[in-house]
Amino acid sequence: LGERMVGPIDDDLRIVHESTVRTADGARLVWSWYRVAGVTTSNPSRAKLLELPSFITRGQPSELIAASAPCGPRDCRKASATLLELVAGRVVSR
């Protein structure tokens, strides 16, 4: 339904890829990012480049990390606050 980049969301200046998807149960907000060779990025091209030295040295594995929360009937603000608390440990005043 839509997508954008969100961040920085934490002290590490992490930026996440945010997508709103439709499921049988309604809309869900999904945050995703990559961790490659100990480096966090939301950019798929950068993730691929980071994989090269890791692949050659048989270093740390690459990971795609995703978290999701259900959206409310009219918007995804509560889902966004839930993901921020889950991923960054930050509580948004409600």
PDB file of N, CA and C in Angstrom:
ATOM      1  N   LEU A   1       0.816  -1.202   0.000  1.00  0.00           N
ATOM      2  CA  LEU A   1       0.000   0.000   0.000  1.00  0.00           C
ATOM      3  C   LEU A   1       0.854   1.257   0.000  1.00  0.00           C
ATOM      4  N   GLY A   2       2.065   1.165   0.512  1.00  0.00           N
ATOM      5  CA  GLY A   2       2.949   2.316   0.553  1.00  0.00           C
ATOM      6  C   GLY A   2       4.267   1.962   1.194  1.00  0.00           C
ATOM      7  N   GLU A   3       5.296   2.766   0.916  1.00  0.00           N
ATOM      8  CA  GLU A   3       6.590   2.524   1.527  1.00  0.00           C
ATOM      9  C   GLU A   3       7.382   3.815   1.592  1.00  0.00           C
ATOM     10  N   ARG A   4       8.321   3.849   2.569  1.00  0.00           N
ATOM     11  CA  ARG A   4       9.189   5.008   2.750  1.00  0.00           C
ATOM     12  C   ARG A   4      10.326   4.612   3.679  1.00  0.00           C
ATOM     13  N   MET A   5      11.304   5.489   3.809  1.00  0.00           N
ATOM     14  CA  MET A   5      12.392   5.300   4.752  1.00  0.00           C
ATOM     15  C   MET A   5      12.049   6.089   6.013  1.00  0.00           C
ATOM     16  N   VAL A   6      12.344   5.526   7.182  1.00  0.00           N
ATOM     17  CA  VAL A   6      12.029   6.155   8.458  1.00  0.00           C
ATOM     18  C   VAL A   6      13.292   6.169   9.310  1.00  0.00           C
ATOM     19  N   GLY A   7      13.571   7.300   9.928  1.00  0.00           N
ATOM     20  CA  GLY A   7      14.705   7.337  10.839  1.00  0.00           C
ATOM     21  C   GLY A   7      15.401   8.670  10.833  1.00  0.00           C
ATOM     22  N   PRO A   8      16.425   8.765  11.625  1.00  0.00           N
ATOM     23  CA  PRO A   8      16.975   7.722  12.470  1.00  0.00           C
ATOM     24  C   PRO A   8      16.062   7.429  13.654  1.00  0.00           C
ATOM     25  N   ILE A   9      16.003   6.134  14.019  1.00  0.00           N
ATOM     26  CA  ILE A   9      15.074   5.722  15.065  1.00  0.00           C
ATOM     27  C   ILE A   9      15.748   5.463  16.403  1.00  0.00           C
ATOM     28  N   ASP A  10      17.088   5.424  16.426  1.00  0.00           N
ATOM     29  CA  ASP A  10      17.775   5.121  17.679  1.00  0.00           C
ATOM     30  C   ASP A  10      19.103   5.857  17.762  1.00  0.00           C
ATOM     31  N   ASP A  11      19.839   5.610  18.846  1.00  0.00           N
ATOM     32  CA  ASP A  11      21.127   6.282  19.057  1.00  0.00           C
ATOM     33  C   ASP A  11      22.176   5.874  18.037  1.00  0.00           C
ATOM     34  N   ASP A  12      21.989   4.718  17.391  1.00  0.00           N
ATOM     35  CA  ASP A  12      22.911   4.261  16.345  1.00  0.00           C
ATOM     36  C   ASP A  12      22.577   4.869  14.984  1.00  0.00           C
ATOM     37  N   LEU A  13      21.601   5.770  14.961  1.00  0.00           N
ATOM     38  CA  LEU A  13      21.150   6.455  13.733  1.00  0.00           C
ATOM     39  C   LEU A  13      20.616   5.475  12.691  1.00  0.00           C
ATOM     40  N   ARG A  14      20.003   4.402  13.161  1.00  0.00           N
ATOM     41  CA  ARG A  14      19.446   3.391  12.261  1.00  0.00           C
ATOM     42  C   ARG A  14      18.261   3.955  11.487  1.00  0.00           C
ATOM     43  N   ILE A  15      18.241   3.684  10.196  1.00  0.00           N
ATOM     44  CA  ILE A  15      17.123   4.037   9.321  1.00  0.00           C
ATOM     45  C   ILE A  15      16.507   2.713   8.867  1.00  0.00           C
ATOM     46  N   VAL A  16      15.194   2.644   8.849  1.00  0.00           N
ATOM     47  CA  VAL A  16      14.507   1.411   8.459  1.00  0.00           C
ATOM     48  C   VAL A  16      13.648   1.669   7.228  1.00  0.00           C
ATOM     49  N   HIS A  17      13.398   0.604   6.502  1.00  0.00           N
ATOM     50  CA  HIS A  17      12.494   0.647   5.363  1.00  0.00           C
ATOM     51  C   HIS A  17      11.110   0.314   5.907  1.00  0.00           C
ATOM     52  N   GLU A  18      10.153   1.200   5.700  1.00  0.00           N
ATOM     53  CA  GLU A  18       8.795   0.998   6.211  1.00  0.00           C
ATOM     54  C   GLU A  18       7.851   0.714   5.057  1.00  0.00           C
ATOM     55  N   SER A  19       7.081  -0.353   5.189  1.00  0.00           N
ATOM     56  CA  SER A  19       6.070  -0.698   4.182  1.00  0.00           C
ATOM     57  C   SER A  19       4.743  -0.926   4.874  1.00  0.00           C
ATOM     58  N   THR A  20       3.682  -0.526   4.223  1.00  0.00           N
ATOM     59  CA  THR A  20       2.343  -0.849   4.686  1.00  0.00           C
ATOM     60  C   THR A  20       1.808  -1.904   3.735  1.00  0.00           C
ATOM     61  N   VAL A  21       1.450  -3.063   4.286  1.00  0.00           N
ATOM     62  CA  VAL A  21       0.983  -4.168   3.455  1.00  0.00           C
ATOM     63  C   VAL A  21      -0.432  -4.558   3.853  1.00  0.00           C
ATOM     64  N   ARG A  22      -1.157  -5.090   2.917  1.00  0.00           N
ATOM     65  CA  ARG A  22      -2.522  -5.553   3.174  1.00  0.00           C
ATOM     66  C   ARG A  22      -2.486  -7.065   3.358  1.00  0.00           C
ATOM     67  N   THR A  23      -3.122  -7.528   4.408  1.00  0.00           N
ATOM     68  CA  THR A  23      -3.239  -8.967   4.664  1.00  0.00           C
ATOM     69  C   THR A  23      -4.719  -9.312   4.791  1.00  0.00           C
ATOM     70  N   ALA A  24      -5.005 -10.577   4.955  1.00  0.00           N
ATOM     71  CA  ALA A  24      -6.400 -10.996   5.124  1.00  0.00           C
ATOM     72  C   ALA A  24      -7.014 -10.410   6.391  1.00  0.00           C
ATOM     73  N   ASP A  25      -6.166 -10.106   7.376  1.00  0.00           N
ATOM     74  CA  ASP A  25      -6.633  -9.554   8.648  1.00  0.00           C
ATOM     75  C   ASP A  25      -6.626  -8.027   8.676  1.00  0.00           C
ATOM     76  N   GLY A  26      -6.247  -7.369   7.587  1.00  0.00           N
ATOM     77  CA  GLY A  26      -6.174  -5.910   7.543  1.00  0.00           C
ATOM     78  C   GLY A  26      -4.756  -5.445   7.265  1.00  0.00           C
ATOM     79  N   ALA A  27      -4.543  -4.150   7.353  1.00  0.00           N
ATOM     80  CA  ALA A  27      -3.232  -3.576   7.045  1.00  0.00           C
ATOM     81  C   ALA A  27      -2.238  -3.840   8.174  1.00  0.00           C
ATOM     82  N   ARG A  28      -0.963  -4.007   7.793  1.00  0.00           N
ATOM     83  CA  ARG A  28       0.138  -4.165   8.745  1.00  0.00           C
ATOM     84  C   ARG A  28       1.256  -3.221   8.349  1.00  0.00           C
ATOM     85  N   LEU A  29       1.945  -2.707   9.349  1.00  0.00           N
ATOM     86  CA  LEU A  29       3.119  -1.878   9.135  1.00  0.00           C
ATOM     87  C   LEU A  29       4.333  -2.766   9.326  1.00  0.00           C
ATOM     88  N   VAL A  30       5.248  -2.750   8.364  1.00  0.00           N
ATOM     89  CA  VAL A  30       6.441  -3.599   8.409  1.00  0.00           C
ATOM     90  C   VAL A  30       7.677  -2.712   8.371  1.00  0.00           C
ATOM     91  N   TRP A  31       8.587  -2.910   9.307  1.00  0.00           N
ATOM     92  CA  TRP A  31       9.896  -2.251   9.297  1.00  0.00           C
ATOM     93  C   TRP A  31      10.935  -3.314   8.978  1.00  0.00           C
ATOM     94  N   SER A  32      11.868  -3.006   8.074  1.00  0.00           N
ATOM     95  CA  SER A  32      12.918  -3.962   7.743  1.00  0.00           C
ATOM     96  C   SER A  32      14.237  -3.247   7.511  1.00  0.00           C
ATOM     97  N   TRP A  33      15.328  -3.994   7.702  1.00  0.00           N
ATOM     98  CA  TRP A  33      16.677  -3.499   7.456  1.00  0.00           C
ATOM     99  C   TRP A  33      17.593  -4.714   7.344  1.00  0.00           C
ATOM    100  N   TYR A  34      18.839  -4.458   6.950  1.00  0.00           N
ATOM    101  CA  TYR A  34      19.832  -5.516   6.780  1.00  0.00           C
ATOM    102  C   TYR A  34      20.935  -5.345   7.821  1.00  0.00           C
ATOM    103  N   ARG A  35      21.519  -6.471   8.230  1.00  0.00           N
ATOM    104  CA  ARG A  35      22.732  -6.444   9.040  1.00  0.00           C
ATOM    105  C   ARG A  35      23.718  -7.358   8.326  1.00  0.00           C
ATOM    106  N   VAL A  36      24.811  -6.759   7.846  1.00  0.00           N
ATOM    107  CA  VAL A  36      25.810  -7.494   7.077  1.00  0.00           C
ATOM    108  C   VAL A  36      27.181  -7.195   7.665  1.00  0.00           C
ATOM    109  N   ALA A  37      27.903  -8.233   8.021  1.00  0.00           N
ATOM    110  CA  ALA A  37      29.254  -8.084   8.583  1.00  0.00           C
ATOM    111  C   ALA A  37      29.267  -7.095   9.746  1.00  0.00           C
ATOM    112  N   GLY A  38      28.238  -7.138  10.554  1.00  0.00           N
ATOM    113  CA  GLY A  38      28.166  -6.264  11.714  1.00  0.00           C
ATOM    114  C   GLY A  38      27.722  -4.849  11.430  1.00  0.00           C
ATOM    115  N   VAL A  39      27.391  -4.541  10.180  1.00  0.00           N
ATOM    116  CA  VAL A  39      26.957  -3.202   9.781  1.00  0.00           C
ATOM    117  C   VAL A  39      25.458  -3.236   9.492  1.00  0.00           C
ATOM    118  N   THR A  40      24.738  -2.233  10.005  1.00  0.00           N
ATOM    119  CA  THR A  40      23.299  -2.131   9.773  1.00  0.00           C
ATOM    120  C   THR A  40      23.031  -1.128   8.665  1.00  0.00           C
ATOM    121  N   THR A  41      22.165  -1.502   7.715  1.00  0.00           N
ATOM    122  CA  THR A  41      21.789  -0.602   6.622  1.00  0.00           C
ATOM    123  C   THR A  41      20.375  -0.929   6.154  1.00  0.00           C
ATOM    124  N   SER A  42      19.693   0.083   5.641  1.00  0.00           N
ATOM    125  CA  SER A  42      18.385  -0.148   5.037  1.00  0.00           C
ATOM    126  C   SER A  42      18.484  -0.181   3.517  1.00  0.00           C
ATOM    127  N   ASN A  43      19.672   0.075   2.995  1.00  0.00           N
ATOM    128  CA  ASN A  43      19.900   0.165   1.555  1.00  0.00           C
ATOM    129  C   ASN A  43      20.306  -1.204   0.991  1.00  0.00           C
ATOM    130  N   PRO A  44      19.478  -1.800   0.115  1.00  0.00           N
ATOM    131  CA  PRO A  44      19.804  -3.125  -0.417  1.00  0.00           C
ATOM    132  C   PRO A  44      21.104  -3.155  -1.221  1.00  0.00           C
ATOM    133  N   SER A  45      21.413  -2.089  -1.941  1.00  0.00           N
ATOM    134  CA  SER A  45      22.663  -2.053  -2.723  1.00  0.00           C
ATOM    135  C   SER A  45      23.881  -2.053  -1.806  1.00  0.00           C
ATOM    136  N   ARG A  46      23.815  -1.268  -0.738  1.00  0.00           N
ATOM    137  CA  ARG A  46      24.928  -1.242   0.223  1.00  0.00           C
ATOM    138  C   ARG A  46      25.069  -2.605   0.898  1.00  0.00           C
ATOM    139  N   ALA A  47      23.958  -3.254   1.199  1.00  0.00           N
ATOM    140  CA  ALA A  47      24.008  -4.580   1.815  1.00  0.00           C
ATOM    141  C   ALA A  47      24.738  -5.563   0.905  1.00  0.00           C
ATOM    142  N   LYS A  48      24.450  -5.514  -0.390  1.00  0.00           N
ATOM    143  CA  LYS A  48      25.119  -6.412  -1.346  1.00  0.00           C
ATOM    144  C   LYS A  48      26.615  -6.144  -1.381  1.00  0.00           C
ATOM    145  N   LEU A  49      27.002  -4.859  -1.389  1.00  0.00           N
ATOM    146  CA  LEU A  49      28.431  -4.530  -1.404  1.00  0.00           C
ATOM    147  C   LEU A  49      29.121  -4.992  -0.120  1.00  0.00           C
ATOM    148  N   LEU A  50      28.443  -4.872   0.996  1.00  0.00           N
ATOM    149  CA  LEU A  50      29.022  -5.321   2.266  1.00  0.00           C
ATOM    150  C   LEU A  50      29.183  -6.835   2.316  1.00  0.00           C
ATOM    151  N   GLU A  51      28.394  -7.551   1.533  1.00  0.00           N
ATOM    152  CA  GLU A  51      28.483  -9.012   1.519  1.00  0.00           C
ATOM    153  C   GLU A  51      29.771  -9.507   0.865  1.00  0.00           C
ATOM    154  N   LEU A  52      30.353  -8.746  -0.052  1.00  0.00           N
ATOM    155  CA  LEU A  52      31.533  -9.222  -0.790  1.00  0.00           C
ATOM    156  C   LEU A  52      32.699  -9.582   0.122  1.00  0.00           C
ATOM    157  N   PRO A  53      33.206  -8.651   0.951  1.00  0.00           N
ATOM    158  CA  PRO A  53      34.328  -9.044   1.806  1.00  0.00           C
ATOM    159  C   PRO A  53      33.939 -10.122   2.820  1.00  0.00           C
ATOM    160  N   SER A  54      32.720 -10.083   3.295  1.00  0.00           N
ATOM    161  CA  SER A  54      32.253 -11.080   4.250  1.00  0.00           C
ATOM    162  C   SER A  54      32.223 -12.461   3.603  1.00  0.00           C
ATOM    163  N   PHE A  55      31.817 -12.529   2.334  1.00  0.00           N
ATOM    164  CA  PHE A  55      31.767 -13.789   1.606  1.00  0.00           C
ATOM    165  C   PHE A  55      33.177 -14.343   1.407  1.00  0.00           C
ATOM    166  N   ILE A  56      34.109 -13.479   1.025  1.00  0.00           N
ATOM    167  CA  ILE A  56      35.485 -13.916   0.756  1.00  0.00           C
ATOM    168  C   ILE A  56      36.153 -14.436   2.024  1.00  0.00           C
ATOM    169  N   THR A  57      35.946 -13.751   3.135  1.00  0.00           N
ATOM    170  CA  THR A  57      36.592 -14.149   4.393  1.00  0.00           C
ATOM    171  C   THR A  57      35.763 -15.135   5.200  1.00  0.00           C
ATOM    172  N   ARG A  58      34.625 -15.541   4.652  1.00  0.00           N
ATOM    173  CA  ARG A  58      33.694 -16.416   5.363  1.00  0.00           C
ATOM    174  C   ARG A  58      33.336 -15.820   6.726  1.00  0.00           C
ATOM    175  N   GLY A  59      33.050 -14.521   6.674  1.00  0.00           N
ATOM    176  CA  GLY A  59      32.740 -13.757   7.879  1.00  0.00           C
ATOM    177  C   GLY A  59      31.307 -13.945   8.329  1.00  0.00           C
ATOM    178  N   GLN A  60      30.851 -12.976   9.097  1.00  0.00           N
ATOM    179  CA  GLN A  60      29.507 -13.039   9.662  1.00  0.00           C
ATOM    180  C   GLN A  60      28.450 -13.172   8.571  1.00  0.00           C
ATOM    181  N   PRO A  61      27.372 -13.880   8.867  1.00  0.00           N
ATOM    182  CA  PRO A  61      26.297 -14.024   7.872  1.00  0.00           C
ATOM    183  C   PRO A  61      25.533 -12.719   7.677  1.00  0.00           C
ATOM    184  N   SER A  62      24.859 -12.656   6.558  1.00  0.00           N
ATOM    185  CA  SER A  62      23.997 -11.510   6.262  1.00  0.00           C
ATOM    186  C   SER A  62      22.596 -11.800   6.781  1.00  0.00           C
ATOM    187  N   GLU A  63      21.920 -10.755   7.242  1.00  0.00           N
ATOM    188  CA  GLU A  63      20.581 -10.945   7.783  1.00  0.00           C
ATOM    189  C   GLU A  63      19.644  -9.876   7.240  1.00  0.00           C
ATOM    190  N   LEU A  64      18.445 -10.276   6.915  1.00  0.00           N
ATOM    191  CA  LEU A  64      17.350  -9.345   6.673  1.00  0.00           C
ATOM    192  C   LEU A  64      16.480  -9.433   7.909  1.00  0.00           C
ATOM    193  N   ILE A  65      16.283  -8.315   8.572  1.00  0.00           N
ATOM    194  CA  ILE A  65      15.505  -8.289   9.799  1.00  0.00           C
ATOM    195  C   ILE A  65      14.208  -7.547   9.511  1.00  0.00           C
ATOM    196  N   ALA A  66      13.095  -8.111   9.939  1.00  0.00           N
ATOM    197  CA  ALA A  66      11.791  -7.477   9.717  1.00  0.00           C
ATOM    198  C   ALA A  66      10.928  -7.637  10.959  1.00  0.00           C
ATOM    199  N   ALA A  67      10.168  -6.604  11.243  1.00  0.00           N
ATOM    200  CA  ALA A  67       9.205  -6.630  12.343  1.00  0.00           C
ATOM    201  C   ALA A  67       7.924  -5.996  11.831  1.00  0.00           C
ATOM    202  N   SER A  68       6.783  -6.453  12.331  1.00  0.00           N
ATOM    203  CA  SER A  68       5.517  -5.880  11.870  1.00  0.00           C
ATOM    204  C   SER A  68       4.544  -5.738  13.022  1.00  0.00           C
ATOM    205  N   ALA A  69       3.570  -4.862  12.815  1.00  0.00           N
ATOM    206  CA  ALA A  69       2.503  -4.640  13.792  1.00  0.00           C
ATOM    207  C   ALA A  69       1.225  -4.323  13.030  1.00  0.00           C
ATOM    208  N   PRO A  70       0.073  -4.727  13.578  1.00  0.00           N
ATOM    209  CA  PRO A  70      -1.191  -4.434  12.887  1.00  0.00           C
ATOM    210  C   PRO A  70      -1.530  -2.952  12.958  1.00  0.00           C
ATOM    211  N   CYS A  71      -2.071  -2.432  11.879  1.00  0.00           N
ATOM    212  CA  CYS A  71      -2.519  -1.039  11.831  1.00  0.00           C
ATOM    213  C   CYS A  71      -3.922  -0.938  12.426  1.00  0.00           C
ATOM    214  N   GLY A  72      -4.270   0.256  12.850  1.00  0.00           N
ATOM    215  CA  GLY A  72      -5.619   0.513  13.333  1.00  0.00           C
ATOM    216  C   GLY A  72      -6.582   0.621  12.164  1.00  0.00           C
ATOM    217  N   PRO A  73      -7.849   0.827  12.436  1.00  0.00           N
ATOM    218  CA  PRO A  73      -8.842   0.893  11.365  1.00  0.00           C
ATOM    219  C   PRO A  73      -8.662   2.098  10.445  1.00  0.00           C
ATOM    220  N   ARG A  74      -8.081   3.188  10.937  1.00  0.00           N
ATOM    221  CA  ARG A  74      -7.957   4.404  10.119  1.00  0.00           C
ATOM    222  C   ARG A  74      -6.530   4.784   9.771  1.00  0.00           C
ATOM    223  N   ASP A  75      -5.538   4.349  10.595  1.00  0.00           N
ATOM    224  CA  ASP A  75      -4.146   4.710  10.319  1.00  0.00           C
ATOM    225  C   ASP A  75      -3.198   3.756  11.035  1.00  0.00           C
ATOM    226  N   CYS A  76      -1.909   3.964  10.831  1.00  0.00           N
ATOM    227  CA  CYS A  76      -0.893   3.066  11.388  1.00  0.00           C
ATOM    228  C   CYS A  76      -0.050   3.747  12.468  1.00  0.00           C
ATOM    229  N   ARG A  77      -0.552   4.821  13.068  1.00  0.00           N
ATOM    230  CA  ARG A  77       0.248   5.526  14.082  1.00  0.00           C
ATOM    231  C   ARG A  77       0.571   4.643  15.284  1.00  0.00           C
ATOM    232  N   LYS A  78      -0.408   3.898  15.774  1.00  0.00           N
ATOM    233  CA  LYS A  78      -0.161   3.031  16.925  1.00  0.00           C
ATOM    234  C   LYS A  78       0.828   1.925  16.553  1.00  0.00           C
ATOM    235  N   ALA A  79       0.716   1.392  15.353  1.00  0.00           N
ATOM    236  CA  ALA A  79       1.652   0.362  14.888  1.00  0.00           C
ATOM    237  C   ALA A  79       3.067   0.924  14.820  1.00  0.00           C
ATOM    238  N   SER A  80       3.210   2.156  14.358  1.00  0.00           N
ATOM    239  CA  SER A  80       4.519   2.801  14.296  1.00  0.00           C
ATOM    240  C   SER A  80       5.114   2.962  15.688  1.00  0.00           C
ATOM    241  N   ALA A  81       4.299   3.383  16.656  1.00  0.00           N
ATOM    242  CA  ALA A  81       4.763   3.535  18.042  1.00  0.00           C
ATOM    243  C   ALA A  81       5.169   2.176  18.622  1.00  0.00           C
ATOM    244  N   THR A  82       4.412   1.136  18.302  1.00  0.00           N
ATOM    245  CA  THR A  82       4.724  -0.209  18.779  1.00  0.00           C
ATOM    246  C   THR A  82       6.065  -0.681  18.229  1.00  0.00           C
ATOM    247  N   LEU A  83       6.291  -0.456  16.937  1.00  0.00           N
ATOM    248  CA  LEU A  83       7.552  -0.872  16.319  1.00  0.00           C
ATOM    249  C   LEU A  83       8.725  -0.069  16.867  1.00  0.00           C
ATOM    250  N   LEU A  84       8.527   1.217  17.101  1.00  0.00           N
ATOM    251  CA  LEU A  84       9.595   2.040  17.659  1.00  0.00           C
ATOM    252  C   LEU A  84       9.995   1.519  19.036  1.00  0.00           C
ATOM    253  N   GLU A  85       9.011   1.153  19.837  1.00  0.00           N
ATOM    254  CA  GLU A  85       9.300   0.610  21.169  1.00  0.00           C
ATOM    255  C   GLU A  85      10.003  -0.743  21.056  1.00  0.00           C
ATOM    256  N   LEU A  86       9.545  -1.600  20.157  1.00  0.00           N
ATOM    257  CA  LEU A  86      10.127  -2.925  19.980  1.00  0.00           C
ATOM    258  C   LEU A  86      11.559  -2.851  19.457  1.00  0.00           C
ATOM    259  N   VAL A  87      11.775  -2.069  18.413  1.00  0.00           N
ATOM    260  CA  VAL A  87      13.056  -2.054  17.720  1.00  0.00           C
ATOM    261  C   VAL A  87      14.088  -1.161  18.417  1.00  0.00           C
ATOM    262  N   ALA A  88      13.665   0.005  18.869  1.00  0.00           N
ATOM    263  CA  ALA A  88      14.611   0.972  19.424  1.00  0.00           C
ATOM    264  C   ALA A  88      14.521   1.121  20.935  1.00  0.00           C
ATOM    265  N   GLY A  89      13.505   0.513  21.535  1.00  0.00           N
ATOM    266  CA  GLY A  89      13.348   0.649  22.968  1.00  0.00           C
ATOM    267  C   GLY A  89      12.870   2.010  23.405  1.00  0.00           C
ATOM    268  N   ARG A  90      12.321   2.785  22.462  1.00  0.00           N
ATOM    269  CA  ARG A  90      11.818   4.135  22.767  1.00  0.00           C
ATOM    270  C   ARG A  90      10.312   4.095  22.864  1.00  0.00           C
ATOM    271  N   VAL A  91       9.793   4.689  23.909  1.00  0.00           N
ATOM    272  CA  VAL A  91       8.355   4.744  24.105  1.00  0.00           C
ATOM    273  C   VAL A  91       7.855   6.107  23.650  1.00  0.00           C
ATOM    274  N   VAL A  92       6.851   6.101  22.792  1.00  0.00           N
ATOM    275  CA  VAL A  92       6.239   7.321  22.314  1.00  0.00           C
ATOM    276  C   VAL A  92       5.082   7.638  23.245  1.00  0.00           C
ATOM    277  N   SER A  93       5.016   8.857  23.742  1.00  0.00           N
ATOM    278  CA  SER A  93       3.904   9.216  24.630  1.00  0.00           C
ATOM    279  C   SER A  93       2.601   9.143  23.851  1.00  0.00           C
ATOM    280  N   ARG A  94       1.595   8.546  24.448  1.00  0.00           N
ATOM    281  CA  ARG A  94       0.328   8.297  23.737  1.00  0.00           C
ATOM    282  C   ARG A  94      -0.751   9.202  24.210  1.00  0.00           C
TER     283      ARG A  94
END
